[in-house]
């Protein structure tokens, strides 16, 4: 019998609880219903024992050590500075990570890997609020400030908090297949499995955060009606405003003109459909861009690559 795939989740005083428990729950769920566990999930910490997380909840841990197959470092704010000062932890990361099948981080855990010299020359993700700081402090790496998670060779890094769950599901898919990952997502009652290329700054989430009624409801409707005309006259009528008043208030609420905002919604939807392998013409019609030529021009202008190349990179096998 082969041994289970060992996963070590590095925690420390003040780390973000969900950075640890989110991925741990995903890997634990992957073991359910199997004759024997596929994963051996271990929370490790600099000294072992109880580790108090950022919200006051303590988790039990093993002392750092061993040779994990997958090594992930949790993020944190209050405790990160002290963890970075632990040379013994950095030394263990330098020893264990290169020998692992893959290693990575959730949220600001990327700072720990970068401080250990393990991210030089790599493209990585971290929480949007820390992207600039990470790039400034460690110029040998490249920060993708937009992605939910990034895979660069054997290095897997995710953005803030809940994106650790998205990345963990992708890791399960790599090990056990899409059906297993989708079953876990369904069991967790997730709204959707989010791909790594999806932006940390979704137009819908930003609108829900910043826009008052009627714009939040309008944007929900827009998401479901991308194939319809979404010009200023139609949107103003839906909102019950004059065109001039609508344009001004919508731009103030979202930070984007209606046309720019609508294009963003359409192109984000197009990325999801491209990853499913749909033909360009069909996608263009479904997202309201009418022709594959128009889709191609807008897509390349926004993402810097042709839709066909994006589909080749991201389409599910």
C-alpha atoms as a PDB file:
ATOM      1  CA  UNK A   1       0.000   0.000   0.000  1.00  0.00           C
ATOM      2  CA  UNK A   2       1.238   3.473  -0.833  1.00  0.00           C
ATOM      3  CA  UNK A   3       1.096   6.062   1.891  1.00  0.00           C
ATOM      4  CA  UNK A   4      -1.460   8.879   1.778  1.00  0.00           C
ATOM      5  CA  UNK A   5      -0.483  12.164   0.153  1.00  0.00           C
ATOM      6  CA  UNK A   6       0.768  14.254   3.066  1.00  0.00           C
ATOM      7  CA  UNK A   7      -0.412  17.856   3.208  1.00  0.00           C
ATOM      8  CA  UNK A   8       1.193  20.246   5.688  1.00  0.00           C
ATOM      9  CA  UNK A   9      -0.596  23.537   6.369  1.00  0.00           C
ATOM     10  CA  UNK A  10       1.750  25.963   8.109  1.00  0.00           C
ATOM     11  CA  UNK A  11      -0.002  28.003  10.797  1.00  0.00           C
ATOM     12  CA  UNK A  12       1.403  30.463  13.337  1.00  0.00           C
ATOM     13  CA  UNK A  13       0.150  32.768  16.084  1.00  0.00           C
ATOM     14  CA  UNK A  14      -2.262  35.304  14.604  1.00  0.00           C
ATOM     15  CA  UNK A  15      -2.653  33.616  11.217  1.00  0.00           C
ATOM     16  CA  UNK A  16      -5.934  33.839   9.332  1.00  0.00           C
ATOM     17  CA  UNK A  17      -8.174  31.002  10.508  1.00  0.00           C
ATOM     18  CA  UNK A  18      -9.873  30.391   7.160  1.00  0.00           C
ATOM     19  CA  UNK A  19      -6.510  30.211   5.366  1.00  0.00           C
ATOM     20  CA  UNK A  20      -5.903  27.047   7.392  1.00  0.00           C
ATOM     21  CA  UNK A  21      -9.331  25.527   7.896  1.00  0.00           C
ATOM     22  CA  UNK A  22     -10.677  26.273   4.393  1.00  0.00           C
ATOM     23  CA  UNK A  23      -8.115  24.152   2.502  1.00  0.00           C
ATOM     24  CA  UNK A  24      -8.049  21.585   5.351  1.00  0.00           C
ATOM     25  CA  UNK A  25     -11.814  21.111   5.032  1.00  0.00           C
ATOM     26  CA  UNK A  26     -11.543  20.606   1.263  1.00  0.00           C
ATOM     27  CA  UNK A  27      -8.813  17.981   1.571  1.00  0.00           C
ATOM     28  CA  UNK A  28     -10.655  16.283   4.418  1.00  0.00           C
ATOM     29  CA  UNK A  29     -13.839  16.131   2.338  1.00  0.00           C
ATOM     30  CA  UNK A  30     -11.888  14.462  -0.477  1.00  0.00           C
ATOM     31  CA  UNK A  31     -11.206  11.553   1.895  1.00  0.00           C
ATOM     32  CA  UNK A  32     -14.881  10.917   2.622  1.00  0.00           C
ATOM     33  CA  UNK A  33     -16.410   7.860   1.002  1.00  0.00           C
ATOM     34  CA  UNK A  34     -13.032   6.350   0.096  1.00  0.00           C
ATOM     35  CA  UNK A  35     -11.828   2.946   1.298  1.00  0.00           C
ATOM     36  CA  UNK A  36      -8.769   4.666   2.715  1.00  0.00           C
ATOM     37  CA  UNK A  37      -7.812   8.341   2.917  1.00  0.00           C
ATOM     38  CA  UNK A  38      -6.046   9.827  -0.069  1.00  0.00           C
ATOM     39  CA  UNK A  39      -4.784  12.798   1.998  1.00  0.00           C
ATOM     40  CA  UNK A  40      -3.039  12.938   5.347  1.00  0.00           C
ATOM     41  CA  UNK A  41      -3.826  16.503   6.422  1.00  0.00           C
ATOM     42  CA  UNK A  42      -1.610  18.035   9.079  1.00  0.00           C
ATOM     43  CA  UNK A  43      -1.555  21.518  10.553  1.00  0.00           C
ATOM     44  CA  UNK A  44       2.015  22.372  11.527  1.00  0.00           C
ATOM     45  CA  UNK A  45       3.423  25.369  13.360  1.00  0.00           C
ATOM     46  CA  UNK A  46       6.817  26.659  14.537  1.00  0.00           C
ATOM     47  CA  UNK A  47       6.478  25.113  18.006  1.00  0.00           C
ATOM     48  CA  UNK A  48       3.530  22.738  17.746  1.00  0.00           C
ATOM     49  CA  UNK A  49       0.595  22.667  20.131  1.00  0.00           C
ATOM     50  CA  UNK A  50      -2.274  25.144  20.242  1.00  0.00           C
ATOM     51  CA  UNK A  51      -2.016  28.091  17.830  1.00  0.00           C
ATOM     52  CA  UNK A  52      -4.332  31.031  18.388  1.00  0.00           C
ATOM     53  CA  UNK A  53      -5.562  32.435  15.082  1.00  0.00           C
ATOM     54  CA  UNK A  54      -6.509  36.006  14.218  1.00  0.00           C
ATOM     55  CA  UNK A  55     -10.095  35.619  15.464  1.00  0.00           C
ATOM     56  CA  UNK A  56      -9.159  34.001  18.767  1.00  0.00           C
ATOM     57  CA  UNK A  57      -9.995  30.436  17.752  1.00  0.00           C
ATOM     58  CA  UNK A  58      -7.144  28.049  18.544  1.00  0.00           C
ATOM     59  CA  UNK A  59      -6.153  25.105  16.358  1.00  0.00           C
ATOM     60  CA  UNK A  60      -3.960  22.197  17.370  1.00  0.00           C
ATOM     61  CA  UNK A  61      -0.770  21.638  15.414  1.00  0.00           C
ATOM     62  CA  UNK A  62       2.282  19.425  15.002  1.00  0.00           C
ATOM     63  CA  UNK A  63       5.783  20.930  15.188  1.00  0.00           C
ATOM     64  CA  UNK A  64       7.250  21.749  11.787  1.00  0.00           C
ATOM     65  CA  UNK A  65       9.183  18.889  10.279  1.00  0.00           C
ATOM     66  CA  UNK A  66       8.854  15.940   7.987  1.00  0.00           C
ATOM     67  CA  UNK A  67       8.665  15.836   4.222  1.00  0.00           C
ATOM     68  CA  UNK A  68       5.195  16.867   2.996  1.00  0.00           C
ATOM     69  CA  UNK A  69       3.979  16.152  -0.518  1.00  0.00           C
ATOM     70  CA  UNK A  70       2.051  19.432  -0.547  1.00  0.00           C
ATOM     71  CA  UNK A  71       3.097  22.353   1.636  1.00  0.00           C
ATOM     72  CA  UNK A  72       0.872  25.424   2.025  1.00  0.00           C
ATOM     73  CA  UNK A  73       1.569  28.493   4.167  1.00  0.00           C
ATOM     74  CA  UNK A  74      -1.329  30.412   5.697  1.00  0.00           C
ATOM     75  CA  UNK A  75      -1.540  34.187   5.623  1.00  0.00           C
ATOM     76  CA  UNK A  76      -2.125  36.601   8.421  1.00  0.00           C
ATOM     77  CA  UNK A  77      -1.678  40.200   9.388  1.00  0.00           C
ATOM     78  CA  UNK A  78      -1.149  40.453  13.120  1.00  0.00           C
ATOM     79  CA  UNK A  79       1.130  37.404  13.346  1.00  0.00           C
ATOM     80  CA  UNK A  80       2.951  37.530  10.035  1.00  0.00           C
ATOM     81  CA  UNK A  81       5.763  39.838  11.145  1.00  0.00           C
ATOM     82  CA  UNK A  82       6.706  37.571  14.046  1.00  0.00           C
ATOM     83  CA  UNK A  83       6.535  34.488  11.833  1.00  0.00           C
ATOM     84  CA  UNK A  84       8.834  36.094   9.274  1.00  0.00           C
ATOM     85  CA  UNK A  85      11.389  36.643  12.029  1.00  0.00           C
ATOM     86  CA  UNK A  86      11.585  32.889  12.764  1.00  0.00           C
ATOM     87  CA  UNK A  87      14.727  31.815  10.935  1.00  0.00           C
ATOM     88  CA  UNK A  88      14.100  28.193  11.909  1.00  0.00           C
ATOM     89  CA  UNK A  89      10.766  28.287  10.048  1.00  0.00           C
ATOM     90  CA  UNK A  90      12.329  29.849   6.961  1.00  0.00           C
ATOM     91  CA  UNK A  91      15.088  27.244   7.048  1.00  0.00           C
ATOM     92  CA  UNK A  92      12.514  24.449   7.180  1.00  0.00           C
ATOM     93  CA  UNK A  93      10.638  25.960   4.241  1.00  0.00           C
ATOM     94  CA  UNK A  94      13.880  26.124   2.226  1.00  0.00           C
ATOM     95  CA  UNK A  95      14.480  22.448   2.987  1.00  0.00           C
ATOM     96  CA  UNK A  96      10.957  21.043   2.662  1.00  0.00           C
ATOM     97  CA  UNK A  97       9.470  23.031  -0.238  1.00  0.00           C
ATOM     98  CA  UNK A  98      11.934  21.989  -2.985  1.00  0.00           C
ATOM     99  CA  UNK A  99      11.444  18.319  -2.051  1.00  0.00           C
ATOM    100  CA  UNK A 100       7.644  18.564  -2.085  1.00  0.00           C
ATOM    101  CA  UNK A 101       5.522  17.662  -5.088  1.00  0.00           C
ATOM    102  CA  UNK A 102       4.177  21.214  -4.880  1.00  0.00           C
ATOM    103  CA  UNK A 103       4.154  24.070  -2.423  1.00  0.00           C
ATOM    104  CA  UNK A 104       2.408  27.386  -2.086  1.00  0.00           C
ATOM    105  CA  UNK A 105       0.506  29.821   0.038  1.00  0.00           C
ATOM    106  CA  UNK A 106      -2.842  31.324   0.849  1.00  0.00           C
ATOM    107  CA  UNK A 107      -3.187  35.108   1.036  1.00  0.00           C
ATOM    108  CA  UNK A 108      -0.147  36.796   2.619  1.00  0.00           C
ATOM    109  CA  UNK A 109       1.521  33.455   3.254  1.00  0.00           C
ATOM    110  CA  UNK A 110       3.362  34.341   0.044  1.00  0.00           C
ATOM    111  CA  UNK A 111       5.546  36.655   2.138  1.00  0.00           C
ATOM    112  CA  UNK A 112       6.873  33.645   4.045  1.00  0.00           C
ATOM    113  CA  UNK A 113       7.782  31.781   0.873  1.00  0.00           C
ATOM    114  CA  UNK A 114       9.311  34.903  -0.667  1.00  0.00           C
ATOM    115  CA  UNK A 115      11.388  35.582   2.455  1.00  0.00           C
ATOM    116  CA  UNK A 116      12.710  32.031   2.186  1.00  0.00           C
ATOM    117  CA  UNK A 117      13.792  32.741  -1.392  1.00  0.00           C
ATOM    118  CA  UNK A 118      11.339  30.232  -2.861  1.00  0.00           C
ATOM    119  CA  UNK A 119       9.411  32.566  -5.177  1.00  0.00           C
ATOM    120  CA  UNK A 120      12.235  34.181  -7.145  1.00  0.00           C
ATOM    121  CA  UNK A 121      11.358  34.258 -10.825  1.00  0.00           C
ATOM    122  CA  UNK A 122       7.796  33.068 -10.146  1.00  0.00           C
ATOM    123  CA  UNK A 123       4.406  34.615 -10.918  1.00  0.00           C
ATOM    124  CA  UNK A 124       2.338  34.663  -7.728  1.00  0.00           C
ATOM    125  CA  UNK A 125      -0.924  35.845  -6.195  1.00  0.00           C
ATOM    126  CA  UNK A 126      -1.692  37.366  -2.827  1.00  0.00           C
ATOM    127  CA  UNK A 127      -4.438  39.432  -1.226  1.00  0.00           C
ATOM    128  CA  UNK A 128      -5.201  42.545  -3.274  1.00  0.00           C
ATOM    129  CA  UNK A 129      -4.334  44.818  -0.347  1.00  0.00           C
ATOM    130  CA  UNK A 130      -0.814  43.355  -0.147  1.00  0.00           C
ATOM    131  CA  UNK A 131       0.099  43.069  -3.839  1.00  0.00           C
ATOM    132  CA  UNK A 132       2.074  46.301  -4.017  1.00  0.00           C
ATOM    133  CA  UNK A 133       3.889  45.607  -0.751  1.00  0.00           C
ATOM    134  CA  UNK A 134       4.869  42.096  -1.852  1.00  0.00           C
ATOM    135  CA  UNK A 135       6.135  43.330  -5.220  1.00  0.00           C
ATOM    136  CA  UNK A 136       8.138  46.161  -3.639  1.00  0.00           C
ATOM    137  CA  UNK A 137       9.717  43.983  -0.984  1.00  0.00           C
ATOM    138  CA  UNK A 138      10.574  41.072  -3.284  1.00  0.00           C
ATOM    139  CA  UNK A 139      11.315  42.421  -6.782  1.00  0.00           C
ATOM    140  CA  UNK A 140      12.569  39.028  -8.017  1.00  0.00           C
ATOM    141  CA  UNK A 141       8.996  37.726  -8.218  1.00  0.00           C
ATOM    142  CA  UNK A 142       6.031  38.887 -10.314  1.00  0.00           C
ATOM    143  CA  UNK A 143       2.718  39.598  -8.589  1.00  0.00           C
ATOM    144  CA  UNK A 144      -0.466  38.918 -10.524  1.00  0.00           C
ATOM    145  CA  UNK A 145      -2.702  41.417  -8.760  1.00  0.00           C
ATOM    146  CA  UNK A 146      -5.823  40.253 -10.564  1.00  0.00           C
ATOM    147  CA  UNK A 147      -5.913  36.463 -10.229  1.00  0.00           C
ATOM    148  CA  UNK A 148      -7.696  34.427  -7.575  1.00  0.00           C
ATOM    149  CA  UNK A 149      -4.878  31.906  -7.650  1.00  0.00           C
ATOM    150  CA  UNK A 150      -1.809  31.291  -9.788  1.00  0.00           C
ATOM    151  CA  UNK A 151      -0.037  28.067 -10.717  1.00  0.00           C
ATOM    152  CA  UNK A 152       3.570  28.492 -11.831  1.00  0.00           C
ATOM    153  CA  UNK A 153       5.238  25.120 -12.127  1.00  0.00           C
ATOM    154  CA  UNK A 154       5.040  23.439  -8.734  1.00  0.00           C
ATOM    155  CA  UNK A 155       4.212  26.718  -6.980  1.00  0.00           C
ATOM    156  CA  UNK A 156       0.538  27.381  -6.146  1.00  0.00           C
ATOM    157  CA  UNK A 157      -0.387  30.738  -4.596  1.00  0.00           C
ATOM    158  CA  UNK A 158      -3.815  32.205  -3.914  1.00  0.00           C
ATOM    159  CA  UNK A 159      -5.265  35.600  -3.118  1.00  0.00           C
ATOM    160  CA  UNK A 160      -7.169  36.442   0.033  1.00  0.00           C
ATOM    161  CA  UNK A 161      -8.954  34.113   2.442  1.00  0.00           C
ATOM    162  CA  UNK A 162     -11.753  32.232   0.602  1.00  0.00           C
ATOM    163  CA  UNK A 163      -9.619  31.863  -2.528  1.00  0.00           C
ATOM    164  CA  UNK A 164      -7.675  29.241  -0.582  1.00  0.00           C
ATOM    165  CA  UNK A 165     -10.772  27.057  -0.947  1.00  0.00           C
ATOM    166  CA  UNK A 166     -10.825  27.669  -4.714  1.00  0.00           C
ATOM    167  CA  UNK A 167      -7.159  26.710  -4.957  1.00  0.00           C
ATOM    168  CA  UNK A 168      -7.628  23.647  -2.753  1.00  0.00           C
ATOM    169  CA  UNK A 169     -10.448  22.458  -5.032  1.00  0.00           C
ATOM    170  CA  UNK A 170      -8.109  22.887  -8.015  1.00  0.00           C
ATOM    171  CA  UNK A 171      -5.471  20.822  -6.202  1.00  0.00           C
ATOM    172  CA  UNK A 172      -8.033  18.077  -5.563  1.00  0.00           C
ATOM    173  CA  UNK A 173      -8.993  18.197  -9.235  1.00  0.00           C
ATOM    174  CA  UNK A 174      -5.334  17.769 -10.201  1.00  0.00           C
ATOM    175  CA  UNK A 175      -5.079  14.715  -7.912  1.00  0.00           C
ATOM    176  CA  UNK A 176      -8.486  13.054  -8.150  1.00  0.00           C
ATOM    177  CA  UNK A 177     -10.253  14.595 -11.132  1.00  0.00           C
ATOM    178  CA  UNK A 178     -12.908  17.229 -11.766  1.00  0.00           C
ATOM    179  CA  UNK A 179     -15.784  15.029 -10.586  1.00  0.00           C
ATOM    180  CA  UNK A 180     -14.287  14.757  -7.094  1.00  0.00           C
ATOM    181  CA  UNK A 181     -13.667  18.500  -6.851  1.00  0.00           C
ATOM    182  CA  UNK A 182     -17.160  19.313  -8.129  1.00  0.00           C
ATOM    183  CA  UNK A 183     -18.726  16.936  -5.600  1.00  0.00           C
ATOM    184  CA  UNK A 184     -16.901  18.701  -2.757  1.00  0.00           C
ATOM    185  CA  UNK A 185     -17.988  22.114  -4.041  1.00  0.00           C
ATOM    186  CA  UNK A 186     -21.584  20.889  -4.159  1.00  0.00           C
ATOM    187  CA  UNK A 187     -21.306  19.453  -0.655  1.00  0.00           C
ATOM    188  CA  UNK A 188     -19.973  22.798   0.590  1.00  0.00           C
ATOM    189  CA  UNK A 189     -22.941  24.547  -1.083  1.00  0.00           C
ATOM    190  CA  UNK A 190     -20.604  26.838  -3.004  1.00  0.00           C
ATOM    191  CA  UNK A 191     -22.275  29.169  -5.475  1.00  0.00           C
ATOM    192  CA  UNK A 192     -19.694  28.248  -8.116  1.00  0.00           C
ATOM    193  CA  UNK A 193     -16.197  26.880  -8.507  1.00  0.00           C
ATOM    194  CA  UNK A 194     -14.055  29.888  -9.345  1.00  0.00           C
ATOM    195  CA  UNK A 195     -11.146  29.448 -11.765  1.00  0.00           C
ATOM    196  CA  UNK A 196      -7.769  30.942 -10.927  1.00  0.00           C
ATOM    197  CA  UNK A 197      -7.886  33.503 -13.733  1.00  0.00           C
ATOM    198  CA  UNK A 198     -11.063  35.079 -12.345  1.00  0.00           C
ATOM    199  CA  UNK A 199     -10.393  38.562 -11.022  1.00  0.00           C
ATOM    200  CA  UNK A 200     -10.260  39.451  -7.330  1.00  0.00           C
ATOM    201  CA  UNK A 201     -12.202  42.551  -8.379  1.00  0.00           C
ATOM    202  CA  UNK A 202     -15.412  41.199  -9.917  1.00  0.00           C
ATOM    203  CA  UNK A 203     -17.671  43.956 -11.275  1.00  0.00           C
ATOM    204  CA  UNK A 204     -20.649  42.463  -9.478  1.00  0.00           C
ATOM    205  CA  UNK A 205     -18.935  42.345  -6.075  1.00  0.00           C
ATOM    206  CA  UNK A 206     -17.645  45.896  -6.430  1.00  0.00           C
ATOM    207  CA  UNK A 207     -21.112  47.085  -7.356  1.00  0.00           C
ATOM    208  CA  UNK A 208     -22.680  45.255  -4.432  1.00  0.00           C
ATOM    209  CA  UNK A 209     -20.132  46.905  -2.153  1.00  0.00           C
ATOM    210  CA  UNK A 210     -20.364  50.448  -3.491  1.00  0.00           C
ATOM    211  CA  UNK A 211     -23.592  50.915  -5.403  1.00  0.00           C
ATOM    212  CA  UNK A 212     -26.873  51.835  -3.782  1.00  0.00           C
ATOM    213  CA  UNK A 213     -30.269  50.893  -5.166  1.00  0.00           C
ATOM    214  CA  UNK A 214     -31.260  50.705  -7.929  1.00  0.00           C
ATOM    215  CA  UNK A 215     -27.817  49.937  -9.370  1.00  0.00           C
ATOM    216  CA  UNK A 216     -27.006  46.757  -7.403  1.00  0.00           C
ATOM    217  CA  UNK A 217     -30.279  45.207  -8.550  1.00  0.00           C
ATOM    218  CA  UNK A 218     -29.723  46.499 -12.070  1.00  0.00           C
ATOM    219  CA  UNK A 219     -26.302  44.856 -12.269  1.00  0.00           C
ATOM    220  CA  UNK A 220     -27.769  41.547 -11.097  1.00  0.00           C
ATOM    221  CA  UNK A 221     -30.240  41.838 -13.973  1.00  0.00           C
ATOM    222  CA  UNK A 222     -27.474  42.753 -16.408  1.00  0.00           C
ATOM    223  CA  UNK A 223     -25.539  39.608 -15.455  1.00  0.00           C
ATOM    224  CA  UNK A 224     -28.546  37.511 -16.456  1.00  0.00           C
ATOM    225  CA  UNK A 225     -29.270  39.423 -19.660  1.00  0.00           C
ATOM    226  CA  UNK A 226     -25.902  39.956 -21.335  1.00  0.00           C
ATOM    227  CA  UNK A 227     -27.313  38.974 -24.728  1.00  0.00           C
ATOM    228  CA  UNK A 228     -29.802  41.858 -24.649  1.00  0.00           C
ATOM    229  CA  UNK A 229     -29.108  45.513 -25.622  1.00  0.00           C
ATOM    230  CA  UNK A 230     -27.443  47.095 -22.576  1.00  0.00           C
ATOM    231  CA  UNK A 231     -26.998  50.628 -23.834  1.00  0.00           C
ATOM    232  CA  UNK A 232     -27.662  53.774 -21.794  1.00  0.00           C
ATOM    233  CA  UNK A 233     -31.253  54.289 -23.010  1.00  0.00           C
ATOM    234  CA  UNK A 234     -32.249  50.714 -22.055  1.00  0.00           C
ATOM    235  CA  UNK A 235     -30.452  50.791 -18.698  1.00  0.00           C
ATOM    236  CA  UNK A 236     -31.756  54.239 -17.802  1.00  0.00           C
ATOM    237  CA  UNK A 237     -35.283  53.095 -18.523  1.00  0.00           C
ATOM    238  CA  UNK A 238     -34.800  50.026 -16.304  1.00  0.00           C
ATOM    239  CA  UNK A 239     -33.521  52.255 -13.485  1.00  0.00           C
ATOM    240  CA  UNK A 240     -36.297  54.815 -13.940  1.00  0.00           C
ATOM    241  CA  UNK A 241     -33.895  57.694 -14.578  1.00  0.00           C
ATOM    242  CA  UNK A 242     -33.229  60.074 -17.405  1.00  0.00           C
ATOM    243  CA  UNK A 243     -30.310  59.058 -19.599  1.00  0.00           C
ATOM    244  CA  UNK A 244     -28.168  61.964 -18.428  1.00  0.00           C
ATOM    245  CA  UNK A 245     -28.926  61.362 -14.751  1.00  0.00           C
ATOM    246  CA  UNK A 246     -28.383  57.624 -15.150  1.00  0.00           C
ATOM    247  CA  UNK A 247     -24.996  58.052 -16.831  1.00  0.00           C
ATOM    248  CA  UNK A 248     -23.757  60.391 -14.107  1.00  0.00           C
ATOM    249  CA  UNK A 249     -25.075  58.414 -11.135  1.00  0.00           C
ATOM    250  CA  UNK A 250     -24.001  55.020 -12.498  1.00  0.00           C
ATOM    251  CA  UNK A 251     -20.479  56.268 -13.205  1.00  0.00           C
ATOM    252  CA  UNK A 252     -20.261  57.788  -9.718  1.00  0.00           C
ATOM    253  CA  UNK A 253     -21.503  54.548  -8.108  1.00  0.00           C
ATOM    254  CA  UNK A 254     -19.322  52.060 -10.004  1.00  0.00           C
ATOM    255  CA  UNK A 255     -16.309  54.144 -11.015  1.00  0.00           C
ATOM    256  CA  UNK A 256     -16.838  53.147 -14.646  1.00  0.00           C
ATOM    257  CA  UNK A 257     -18.941  54.396 -17.516  1.00  0.00           C
ATOM    258  CA  UNK A 258     -21.914  52.179 -18.374  1.00  0.00           C
ATOM    259  CA  UNK A 259     -20.283  51.055 -21.632  1.00  0.00           C
ATOM    260  CA  UNK A 260     -17.003  50.113 -19.936  1.00  0.00           C
ATOM    261  CA  UNK A 261     -18.813  48.332 -17.127  1.00  0.00           C
ATOM    262  CA  UNK A 262     -21.013  46.337 -19.505  1.00  0.00           C
ATOM    263  CA  UNK A 263     -17.990  45.300 -21.562  1.00  0.00           C
ATOM    264  CA  UNK A 264     -16.299  44.059 -18.400  1.00  0.00           C
ATOM    265  CA  UNK A 265     -19.297  41.920 -17.479  1.00  0.00           C
ATOM    266  CA  UNK A 266     -19.434  40.477 -20.975  1.00  0.00           C
ATOM    267  CA  UNK A 267     -15.742  39.672 -21.165  1.00  0.00           C
ATOM    268  CA  UNK A 268     -15.705  38.056 -17.719  1.00  0.00           C
ATOM    269  CA  UNK A 269     -18.599  35.855 -18.838  1.00  0.00           C
ATOM    270  CA  UNK A 270     -16.765  35.110 -22.091  1.00  0.00           C
ATOM    271  CA  UNK A 271     -13.737  33.830 -20.153  1.00  0.00           C
ATOM    272  CA  UNK A 272     -15.894  31.351 -18.269  1.00  0.00           C
ATOM    273  CA  UNK A 273     -17.494  30.094 -21.483  1.00  0.00           C
ATOM    274  CA  UNK A 274     -14.128  29.851 -23.239  1.00  0.00           C
ATOM    275  CA  UNK A 275     -12.822  27.665 -20.416  1.00  0.00           C
ATOM    276  CA  UNK A 276     -15.777  25.354 -21.109  1.00  0.00           C
ATOM    277  CA  UNK A 277     -14.631  25.020 -24.712  1.00  0.00           C
ATOM    278  CA  UNK A 278     -17.591  26.702 -26.417  1.00  0.00           C
ATOM    279  CA  UNK A 279     -17.135  28.033 -29.984  1.00  0.00           C
ATOM    280  CA  UNK A 280     -16.305  31.730 -30.296  1.00  0.00           C
ATOM    281  CA  UNK A 281     -19.396  32.512 -32.356  1.00  0.00           C
ATOM    282  CA  UNK A 282     -21.697  30.931 -29.789  1.00  0.00           C
ATOM    283  CA  UNK A 283     -19.955  32.751 -26.936  1.00  0.00           C
ATOM    284  CA  UNK A 284     -20.165  36.101 -28.727  1.00  0.00           C
ATOM    285  CA  UNK A 285     -23.919  35.668 -29.092  1.00  0.00           C
ATOM    286  CA  UNK A 286     -24.473  34.594 -25.494  1.00  0.00           C
ATOM    287  CA  UNK A 287     -22.559  37.528 -23.989  1.00  0.00           C
ATOM    288  CA  UNK A 288     -23.982  40.155 -26.359  1.00  0.00           C
ATOM    289  CA  UNK A 289     -20.868  40.867 -28.432  1.00  0.00           C
ATOM    290  CA  UNK A 290     -22.663  39.663 -31.582  1.00  0.00           C
ATOM    291  CA  UNK A 291     -19.686  38.484 -33.639  1.00  0.00           C
ATOM    292  CA  UNK A 292     -16.524  36.471 -32.996  1.00  0.00           C
ATOM    293  CA  UNK A 293     -14.484  39.319 -34.548  1.00  0.00           C
ATOM    294  CA  UNK A 294     -15.881  41.840 -32.075  1.00  0.00           C
ATOM    295  CA  UNK A 295     -15.329  39.411 -29.204  1.00  0.00           C
ATOM    296  CA  UNK A 296     -11.733  38.861 -30.308  1.00  0.00           C
ATOM    297  CA  UNK A 297     -10.942  42.565 -30.515  1.00  0.00           C
ATOM    298  CA  UNK A 298     -12.431  43.377 -27.102  1.00  0.00           C
ATOM    299  CA  UNK A 299     -10.928  40.291 -25.440  1.00  0.00           C
ATOM    300  CA  UNK A 300      -7.420  40.945 -26.694  1.00  0.00           C
ATOM    301  CA  UNK A 301      -7.618  44.605 -25.746  1.00  0.00           C
ATOM    302  CA  UNK A 302      -8.612  43.718 -22.171  1.00  0.00           C
ATOM    303  CA  UNK A 303      -6.607  40.538 -21.479  1.00  0.00           C
ATOM    304  CA  UNK A 304      -3.684  40.815 -23.881  1.00  0.00           C
ATOM    305  CA  UNK A 305      -4.324  37.523 -25.668  1.00  0.00           C
ATOM    306  CA  UNK A 306      -6.644  36.144 -28.299  1.00  0.00           C
ATOM    307  CA  UNK A 307      -9.734  34.212 -27.106  1.00  0.00           C
ATOM    308  CA  UNK A 308      -8.489  31.107 -28.930  1.00  0.00           C
ATOM    309  CA  UNK A 309      -5.222  31.156 -26.968  1.00  0.00           C
ATOM    310  CA  UNK A 310      -7.064  31.670 -23.694  1.00  0.00           C
ATOM    311  CA  UNK A 311      -9.306  28.687 -24.474  1.00  0.00           C
ATOM    312  CA  UNK A 312      -6.268  26.563 -25.345  1.00  0.00           C
ATOM    313  CA  UNK A 313      -4.654  27.385 -21.999  1.00  0.00           C
ATOM    314  CA  UNK A 314      -7.683  27.109 -19.750  1.00  0.00           C
ATOM    315  CA  UNK A 315     -10.217  24.780 -21.356  1.00  0.00           C
ATOM    316  CA  UNK A 316     -11.008  21.699 -19.318  1.00  0.00           C
ATOM    317  CA  UNK A 317      -9.732  18.446 -20.847  1.00  0.00           C
END
